[in-house]
Amino acid sequence: MAQIAAIPLCDDTRWLDYLSHGALLHANAKVLAHNASASPFLRLAALSQHMALLQHDSSELMVDDSGTPWVMQSRYLAELDCWLTQIQAAMDENFSQLILANPRPMLVHDNFKPLFVNQAYAELFQLSSVSQLLQMDSIRPLIGEEHWPQAQRNYQQLMIHGHLLAEPVSNSWTCGGDQLRTRIQDFVIQWQGRKALCTVIHDVGNEHDKLEQFRHMAFTDPLTSIGNRRSFNEQGHTHLLACLNHDKLPILAIVDVDHFKRINDNYGHPLGDMVLQHIAKVLRDCVDEHGFAARIGGEEFALFAAMSNRADAMAWIKAVKQRVDQSPYLLDDGSGIDVRISIGLTQWQGGNDHLGDMYQRADGALYLAKRRGRDQIRLA
């Protein structure tokens, strides 16, 4: 907005310079005189609007382009037939920094008309500046039409009861068209002598992404990128219940790479790691939609699958072993490392049979397979 031009007064107005805050004299929405401290405020639309609507002595809040709140105190000077408006900081400097520099987006509004907003709020919704938001008649475009009716109901409930039964989580939209998933905390405050709503926003979209990233790290084997033992325990219980609910037979196989130490000794540990990655991919492809694969530790893997019956389970596990037997790890010179596996297999036995029980049986069958010469499948 263009700066308001000052119209000189005939009377001496040098006394304005002795006032400790920004001060201006005005009449009919025109600035008649002002001191140097008031100069930065003359271009603000909020000041122009205040002068245009002024009818009696008042105190009103104004927020500048940086989001800093100021109090405009106006009173009529009958001897000069004009208004004197003084502008001073609305809060202590340290407190102001605490609010304005707070990384949590904050907004104060009166029936969705913004009264105050910090920089974090403007940045979250991709606004060019704080003043752009403060010039909006309503934050309805930021709320979105889908959530607008509920937002109105929440506002009415807050104004009457002072609280909501739960913090709403909703999808909002930035000015750039990007979707935000936010959790909103609203509470009623007194703002310049009237009730207003303070809204604090938590961008749970970012929080959710971070939690998912941490969860992935916690449940994924870093070498093979399949599930780890923690993942096996969690997914195993989930898949076991799903099998029973869909009248499927839960199958658990524990797989161990035969003579893996020889591979490390002959080719080195880095290549041994690549062999494990290769085996993990083959096993993962074998379970596919049937269940899941996890690396339990070292060269030992677990396969959980849902089958229709015992015969299908045997046919499937034989196919798994054959697939591994026919999938050597290829070296750069074109030769391959043949990999053989031993497998212990068990099925759910009904009643109170749990994942831990199935694991113990399959592990015992695996131990028997290794004692009996390896490269074979043993049932438990």
Protein backbone atom coordinates (compact mmCIF):
# COMPACT_ATOMS: atom_id res chain seq x y z
CA MET A 1 0.00 0.00 0.00
CA ALA A 2 1.21 3.53 -0.79
CA GLN A 3 2.37 5.57 2.22
CA ILE A 4 -0.20 8.01 3.61
CA ALA A 5 0.73 11.60 2.86
CA ALA A 6 0.79 13.94 5.87
CA ILE A 7 -1.07 17.24 5.66
CA PRO A 8 0.72 20.00 7.65
CA LEU A 9 -1.08 21.53 10.64
CA CYS A 10 -1.06 25.25 11.18
CA ASP A 11 -0.46 24.74 14.91
CA ASP A 12 2.94 23.75 16.23
CA THR A 13 3.04 19.92 16.46
CA ARG A 14 6.65 19.52 17.51
CA TRP A 15 5.36 18.15 20.82
CA LEU A 16 4.71 14.88 18.98
CA ASP A 17 8.46 14.33 18.88
CA TYR A 18 8.59 14.28 22.69
CA LEU A 19 6.21 11.32 22.91
CA SER A 20 7.95 8.02 23.65
CA HIS A 21 5.93 6.02 21.08
CA GLY A 22 4.88 6.44 17.49
CA ALA A 23 2.22 9.17 17.34
CA LEU A 24 0.15 10.82 14.65
CA LEU A 25 -2.62 13.37 14.39
CA HIS A 26 -5.37 12.64 11.87
CA ALA A 27 -8.83 13.68 10.81
CA ASN A 28 -11.20 12.28 8.20
CA ALA A 29 -8.79 9.39 7.61
CA LYS A 30 -6.02 11.83 6.68
CA VAL A 31 -2.72 12.10 8.54
CA LEU A 32 -2.13 15.69 9.62
CA ALA A 33 1.19 15.23 11.39
CA HIS A 34 3.32 12.50 12.88
CA ASN A 35 6.61 11.93 14.65
CA ALA A 36 9.50 9.90 13.28
CA SER A 37 8.57 6.80 15.29
CA ALA A 38 5.22 6.61 13.47
CA SER A 39 6.72 6.70 9.97
CA PRO A 40 7.08 2.89 9.53
CA PHE A 41 3.37 2.42 10.23
CA LEU A 42 1.96 4.90 7.71
CA ARG A 43 1.95 2.36 4.87
CA LEU A 44 0.00 -0.28 6.78
CA ALA A 45 -3.54 -0.99 5.66
CA ALA A 46 -4.57 -1.70 9.25
CA LEU A 47 -3.74 1.86 10.25
CA SER A 48 -5.68 3.33 7.33
CA GLN A 49 -8.68 1.18 8.21
CA HIS A 50 -8.44 2.18 11.86
CA MET A 51 -8.47 5.86 11.00
CA ALA A 52 -11.37 5.47 8.57
CA LEU A 53 -13.60 3.67 11.08
CA LEU A 54 -12.65 5.61 14.20
CA GLN A 55 -15.67 7.14 15.96
CA HIS A 56 -14.73 7.19 19.66
CA ASP A 57 -11.72 6.75 21.90
CA SER A 58 -10.46 3.22 21.46
CA SER A 59 -7.60 0.75 21.76
CA GLU A 60 -7.04 -1.67 18.89
CA LEU A 61 -4.44 -4.21 17.86
CA MET A 62 -2.47 -3.92 14.62
CA VAL A 63 0.04 -6.42 13.20
CA ASP A 64 2.81 -5.27 10.88
CA ASP A 65 4.26 -7.11 7.89
CA SER A 66 6.68 -9.08 10.07
CA GLY A 67 3.86 -10.32 12.28
CA THR A 68 4.73 -8.08 15.23
CA PRO A 69 1.62 -6.91 17.12
CA TRP A 70 1.18 -3.24 18.05
CA VAL A 71 -1.47 -1.46 20.05
CA MET A 72 -3.10 1.66 18.57
CA GLN A 73 -4.57 3.90 21.26
CA SER A 74 -6.68 6.74 19.90
CA ARG A 75 -8.42 9.68 21.60
CA TYR A 76 -10.10 12.78 20.30
CA LEU A 77 -8.39 16.16 20.89
CA ALA A 78 -11.18 18.71 20.92
CA GLU A 79 -8.80 21.70 21.01
CA LEU A 80 -7.23 20.58 17.73
CA ASP A 81 -10.39 19.01 16.27
CA CYS A 82 -8.53 15.83 15.31
CA TRP A 83 -7.53 12.44 16.60
CA LEU A 84 -4.31 11.50 18.35
CA THR A 85 -3.25 7.88 17.80
CA GLN A 86 -0.25 6.47 19.62
CA ILE A 87 1.34 3.18 18.57
CA GLN A 88 3.30 1.01 20.99
CA ALA A 89 4.46 -2.58 21.19
CA ALA A 90 1.72 -4.96 22.29
CA MET A 91 4.11 -7.15 24.27
CA ASP A 92 7.52 -7.26 25.88
CA GLU A 93 10.34 -7.72 23.34
CA ASN A 94 11.41 -11.08 24.77
CA PHE A 95 7.84 -12.34 24.85
CA SER A 96 7.33 -11.06 21.32
CA GLN A 97 10.32 -13.08 20.10
CA LEU A 98 8.98 -16.14 21.89
CA ILE A 99 5.72 -15.92 19.94
CA LEU A 100 6.95 -14.67 16.58
CA ALA A 101 9.94 -17.02 16.32
CA ASN A 102 8.04 -20.03 17.65
CA PRO A 103 8.36 -22.86 15.11
CA ARG A 104 4.81 -24.00 15.93
CA PRO A 105 2.28 -22.25 13.64
CA MET A 106 -0.05 -19.96 15.63
CA LEU A 107 -3.09 -17.94 14.62
CA VAL A 108 -5.59 -15.75 16.49
CA HIS A 109 -8.92 -15.16 14.79
CA ASP A 110 -12.38 -13.77 15.47
CA ASN A 111 -14.93 -15.94 13.70
CA PHE A 112 -12.20 -16.92 11.18
CA LYS A 113 -11.11 -13.34 10.52
CA PRO A 114 -7.34 -13.37 11.26
CA LEU A 115 -6.20 -10.96 13.97
CA PHE A 116 -2.68 -12.23 14.56
CA VAL A 117 -0.42 -14.84 12.96
CA ASN A 118 3.22 -15.78 13.34
CA GLN A 119 5.71 -16.45 10.56
CA ALA A 120 5.57 -20.24 11.02
CA TYR A 121 1.84 -20.23 10.19
CA ALA A 122 2.40 -18.19 7.02
CA GLU A 123 5.20 -20.51 5.91
CA LEU A 124 3.17 -23.67 6.60
CA PHE A 125 0.43 -22.49 4.23
CA GLN A 126 2.97 -21.15 1.70
CA LEU A 127 1.88 -17.53 2.05
CA SER A 128 4.26 -14.87 0.83
CA SER A 129 4.09 -12.94 4.10
CA VAL A 130 2.24 -12.54 7.37
CA SER A 131 0.51 -9.45 6.02
CA GLN A 132 -0.96 -11.47 3.13
CA LEU A 133 -2.82 -13.63 5.61
CA LEU A 134 -3.86 -10.72 7.82
CA GLN A 135 -5.48 -9.05 4.80
CA MET A 136 -7.74 -12.08 4.28
CA ASP A 137 -11.37 -11.61 5.31
CA SER A 138 -11.52 -15.27 6.34
CA ILE A 139 -9.21 -18.27 6.64
CA ARG A 140 -11.92 -20.42 5.03
CA PRO A 141 -9.80 -21.08 1.89
CA LEU A 142 -7.08 -22.55 4.13
CA ILE A 143 -9.54 -24.75 5.99
CA GLY A 144 -11.07 -26.15 2.80
CA GLU A 145 -14.72 -26.59 1.87
CA GLU A 146 -14.76 -30.21 3.00
CA HIS A 147 -13.95 -29.24 6.58
CA TRP A 148 -15.63 -25.82 6.67
CA PRO A 149 -18.98 -26.95 8.22
CA GLN A 150 -17.17 -28.84 10.99
CA ALA A 151 -14.84 -25.91 11.59
CA GLN A 152 -17.86 -23.65 12.12
CA ARG A 153 -19.41 -26.12 14.57
CA ASN A 154 -16.12 -26.38 16.45
CA TYR A 155 -15.89 -22.60 16.67
CA GLN A 156 -19.38 -22.31 18.14
CA GLN A 157 -18.68 -25.08 20.66
CA LEU A 158 -15.43 -23.43 21.72
CA MET A 159 -17.04 -20.02 22.14
CA ILE A 160 -19.78 -21.55 24.32
CA HIS A 161 -17.97 -24.29 26.26
CA GLY A 162 -14.33 -23.26 25.93
CA HIS A 163 -13.10 -26.67 24.76
CA LEU A 164 -13.65 -29.52 22.30
CA LEU A 165 -14.10 -33.17 23.13
CA ALA A 166 -11.12 -34.08 20.91
CA GLU A 167 -8.39 -32.38 18.91
CA PRO A 168 -9.45 -32.53 15.25
CA VAL A 169 -7.08 -33.96 12.66
CA SER A 170 -7.87 -32.87 9.15
CA ASN A 171 -6.50 -32.24 5.68
CA SER A 172 -5.86 -28.61 4.75
CA TRP A 173 -4.50 -26.97 1.64
CA THR A 174 -1.67 -24.49 1.17
CA CYS A 175 -1.93 -21.53 -1.15
CA GLY A 176 0.33 -23.51 -3.49
CA GLY A 177 -2.19 -26.34 -3.68
CA ASP A 178 -0.26 -28.82 -1.53
CA GLN A 179 -2.18 -30.93 0.96
CA LEU A 180 -1.40 -30.73 4.67
CA ARG A 181 -2.43 -33.19 7.37
CA THR A 182 -2.70 -31.25 10.59
CA ARG A 183 -3.77 -31.70 14.19
CA ILE A 184 -5.37 -28.55 15.56
CA GLN A 185 -5.40 -27.24 19.13
CA ASP A 186 -7.89 -24.41 19.74
CA PHE A 187 -8.44 -22.43 22.91
CA VAL A 188 -10.35 -19.26 23.76
CA ILE A 189 -8.42 -16.15 24.82
CA GLN A 190 -9.18 -12.52 25.58
CA TRP A 191 -7.83 -10.42 22.72
CA GLN A 192 -8.09 -6.66 23.00
CA GLY A 193 -11.10 -6.87 25.28
CA ARG A 194 -13.04 -9.51 23.35
CA LYS A 195 -13.12 -13.26 22.96
CA ALA A 196 -11.00 -14.72 20.19
CA LEU A 197 -9.75 -18.14 19.24
CA CYS A 198 -6.07 -19.04 19.32
CA THR A 199 -5.20 -21.92 16.99
CA VAL A 200 -1.96 -23.88 17.26
CA ILE A 201 -1.23 -26.28 14.41
CA HIS A 202 0.80 -29.48 14.45
CA ASP A 203 1.87 -30.66 11.01
CA VAL A 204 1.28 -34.35 11.68
CA GLY A 205 2.01 -35.17 8.04
CA ASN A 206 5.71 -34.60 8.65
CA GLU A 207 5.50 -36.29 12.03
CA HIS A 208 3.79 -39.28 10.44
CA ASP A 209 6.45 -39.51 7.74
CA LYS A 210 9.21 -39.43 10.35
CA LEU A 211 7.50 -42.07 12.47
CA GLU A 212 7.07 -44.28 9.42
CA GLN A 213 10.74 -43.82 8.59
CA PHE A 214 11.77 -44.78 12.13
CA ARG A 215 9.37 -47.73 12.10
CA HIS A 216 10.80 -48.94 8.80
CA MET A 217 14.30 -48.75 10.24
CA ALA A 218 13.23 -50.61 13.40
CA PHE A 219 11.49 -53.45 11.54
CA THR A 220 13.81 -53.88 8.54
CA ASP A 221 17.03 -55.84 8.29
CA PRO A 222 19.56 -53.26 7.01
CA LEU A 223 21.56 -55.81 4.98
CA THR A 224 18.81 -57.62 3.10
CA SER A 225 15.97 -55.05 3.26
CA ILE A 226 13.47 -57.70 4.37
CA GLY A 227 11.92 -57.90 7.83
CA ASN A 228 14.10 -58.53 10.89
CA ARG A 229 13.34 -60.59 14.00
CA ARG A 230 11.20 -57.79 15.46
CA SER A 231 9.23 -57.70 12.23
CA PHE A 232 8.86 -61.49 12.31
CA ASN A 233 7.36 -61.39 15.80
CA GLU A 234 4.89 -58.63 14.93
CA GLN A 235 3.90 -59.77 11.43
CA GLY A 236 3.81 -63.41 12.51
CA HIS A 237 1.09 -62.82 15.08
CA THR A 238 -0.87 -60.67 12.63
CA HIS A 239 -0.62 -63.23 9.82
CA LEU A 240 -1.47 -66.10 12.15
CA LEU A 241 -4.75 -64.44 13.15
CA ALA A 242 -5.49 -63.55 9.53
CA CYS A 243 -4.99 -67.18 8.46
CA LEU A 244 -7.36 -68.47 11.11
CA ASN A 245 -9.97 -65.84 10.28
CA HIS A 246 -9.86 -66.84 6.59
CA ASP A 247 -9.80 -70.61 7.21
CA LYS A 248 -6.21 -70.98 5.99
CA LEU A 249 -3.47 -73.25 7.36
CA PRO A 250 -0.58 -71.24 8.88
CA ILE A 251 2.84 -72.59 7.85
CA LEU A 252 6.21 -71.60 9.33
CA ALA A 253 9.57 -72.54 7.83
CA ILE A 254 12.99 -71.76 9.29
CA VAL A 255 15.68 -71.70 6.60
CA ASP A 256 19.44 -71.87 7.18
CA VAL A 257 22.14 -71.46 4.51
CA ASP A 258 24.34 -74.55 4.56
CA HIS A 259 28.08 -74.10 5.12
CA PHE A 260 27.80 -70.32 4.92
CA LYS A 261 31.07 -69.97 6.84
CA ARG A 262 32.85 -71.55 3.89
CA ILE A 263 31.55 -68.82 1.61
CA ASN A 264 32.87 -66.13 3.96
CA ASP A 265 36.21 -67.92 4.33
CA ASN A 266 36.65 -68.55 0.58
CA TYR A 267 35.30 -65.30 -0.85
CA GLY A 268 35.36 -62.80 2.02
CA HIS A 269 32.64 -61.29 4.19
CA PRO A 270 31.60 -58.54 1.73
CA LEU A 271 30.73 -61.15 -0.89
CA GLY A 272 29.12 -63.27 1.81
CA ASP A 273 26.83 -60.32 2.54
CA MET A 274 25.90 -60.15 -1.14
CA VAL A 275 25.05 -63.87 -1.10
CA LEU A 276 22.70 -63.25 1.84
CA GLN A 277 21.08 -60.39 -0.08
CA HIS A 278 20.63 -62.72 -3.05
CA ILE A 279 19.06 -65.48 -0.93
CA ALA A 280 16.77 -62.98 0.81
CA LYS A 281 15.44 -61.78 -2.54
CA VAL A 282 14.79 -65.34 -3.74
CA LEU A 283 12.95 -66.22 -0.53
CA ARG A 284 10.93 -63.00 -0.59
CA ASP A 285 9.84 -63.73 -4.16
CA CYS A 286 8.82 -67.24 -3.11
CA VAL A 287 6.43 -66.11 -0.37
CA ASP A 288 5.08 -63.21 -2.43
CA GLU A 289 1.34 -63.00 -1.71
CA HIS A 290 1.40 -66.13 0.47
CA GLY A 291 2.99 -64.43 3.49
CA PHE A 292 6.30 -62.80 4.39
CA ALA A 293 10.02 -63.45 4.80
CA ALA A 294 12.30 -62.22 7.58
CA ARG A 295 15.96 -62.53 8.47
CA ILE A 296 16.12 -63.94 11.97
CA GLY A 297 19.87 -63.51 12.32
CA GLY A 298 23.11 -64.47 10.60
CA GLU A 299 22.30 -66.84 7.72
CA GLU A 300 18.92 -67.87 9.17
CA PHE A 301 15.59 -66.82 7.68
CA ALA A 302 11.92 -67.35 8.54
CA LEU A 303 9.12 -67.85 6.02
CA PHE A 304 5.49 -67.57 7.05
CA ALA A 305 2.79 -68.62 4.58
CA ALA A 306 -0.93 -69.29 4.40
CA MET A 307 -1.85 -72.56 2.70
CA SER A 308 -5.05 -74.43 1.98
CA ASN A 309 -3.81 -77.78 3.34
CA ARG A 310 -0.74 -79.77 4.31
CA ALA A 311 -0.20 -81.13 0.80
CA ASP A 312 -0.08 -77.62 -0.64
CA ALA A 313 2.35 -76.64 2.10
CA MET A 314 4.72 -79.46 1.21
CA ALA A 315 4.54 -78.69 -2.50
CA TRP A 316 5.25 -75.03 -1.79
CA ILE A 317 8.25 -75.56 0.49
CA LYS A 318 9.77 -78.02 -1.99
CA ALA A 319 9.37 -75.39 -4.70
CA VAL A 320 11.13 -72.87 -2.44
CA LYS A 321 14.10 -75.16 -1.94
CA GLN A 322 14.27 -75.98 -5.63
CA ARG A 323 14.20 -72.29 -6.49
CA VAL A 324 17.16 -71.61 -4.19
CA ASP A 325 19.06 -74.66 -5.49
CA GLN A 326 18.64 -73.39 -9.06
CA SER A 327 19.60 -69.79 -8.26
CA PRO A 328 23.40 -69.66 -7.78
CA TYR A 329 25.00 -66.35 -6.91
CA LEU A 330 26.74 -65.18 -10.09
CA LEU A 331 30.28 -63.81 -9.86
CA ASP A 332 31.79 -61.18 -12.14
CA ASP A 333 33.75 -63.82 -14.08
CA GLY A 334 30.53 -65.60 -15.03
CA SER A 335 30.93 -68.46 -12.58
CA GLY A 336 28.48 -69.03 -9.76
CA ILE A 337 28.36 -69.99 -6.11
CA ASP A 338 25.88 -72.80 -5.55
CA VAL A 339 23.88 -72.24 -2.38
CA ARG A 340 22.12 -75.03 -0.50
CA ILE A 341 19.68 -74.63 2.36
CA SER A 342 18.25 -76.70 5.19
CA ILE A 343 14.63 -76.17 6.19
CA GLY A 344 12.59 -76.93 9.28
CA LEU A 345 8.84 -76.83 8.62
CA THR A 346 5.80 -76.86 10.85
CA GLN A 347 2.11 -76.03 10.68
CA TRP A 348 -0.36 -74.65 13.17
CA GLN A 349 -1.64 -77.47 15.35
CA GLY A 350 -4.83 -75.89 16.62
CA GLY A 351 -6.05 -74.91 20.05
CA ASN A 352 -3.61 -72.72 21.94
CA ASP A 353 -0.77 -73.19 19.46
CA HIS A 354 1.04 -69.85 19.21
CA LEU A 355 3.72 -68.35 16.99
CA GLY A 356 6.36 -69.06 19.65
CA ASP A 357 5.37 -72.71 19.76
CA MET A 358 5.53 -72.97 15.97
CA TYR A 359 8.96 -71.35 15.94
CA GLN A 360 10.36 -73.81 18.48
CA ARG A 361 9.09 -76.78 16.47
CA ALA A 362 10.40 -75.45 13.15
CA ASP A 363 13.75 -74.61 14.73
CA GLY A 364 13.95 -78.12 16.16
CA ALA A 365 13.19 -79.60 12.74
CA LEU A 366 15.90 -77.40 11.21
CA TYR A 367 18.40 -78.67 13.78
CA LEU A 368 17.48 -82.24 12.84
CA ALA A 369 17.90 -81.47 9.13
CA LYS A 370 21.41 -80.15 9.75
CA ARG A 371 22.34 -83.16 11.89
CA ARG A 372 21.07 -85.52 9.18
CA GLY A 373 23.36 -84.09 6.53
CA ARG A 374 21.85 -80.67 5.59
CA ASP A 375 20.40 -79.78 2.16
CA GLN A 376 16.96 -81.14 3.08
CA ILE A 377 13.52 -80.41 4.52
CA ARG A 378 12.39 -81.77 7.88
CA LEU A 379 8.85 -81.64 9.29
CA ALA A 380 7.78 -81.10 12.88
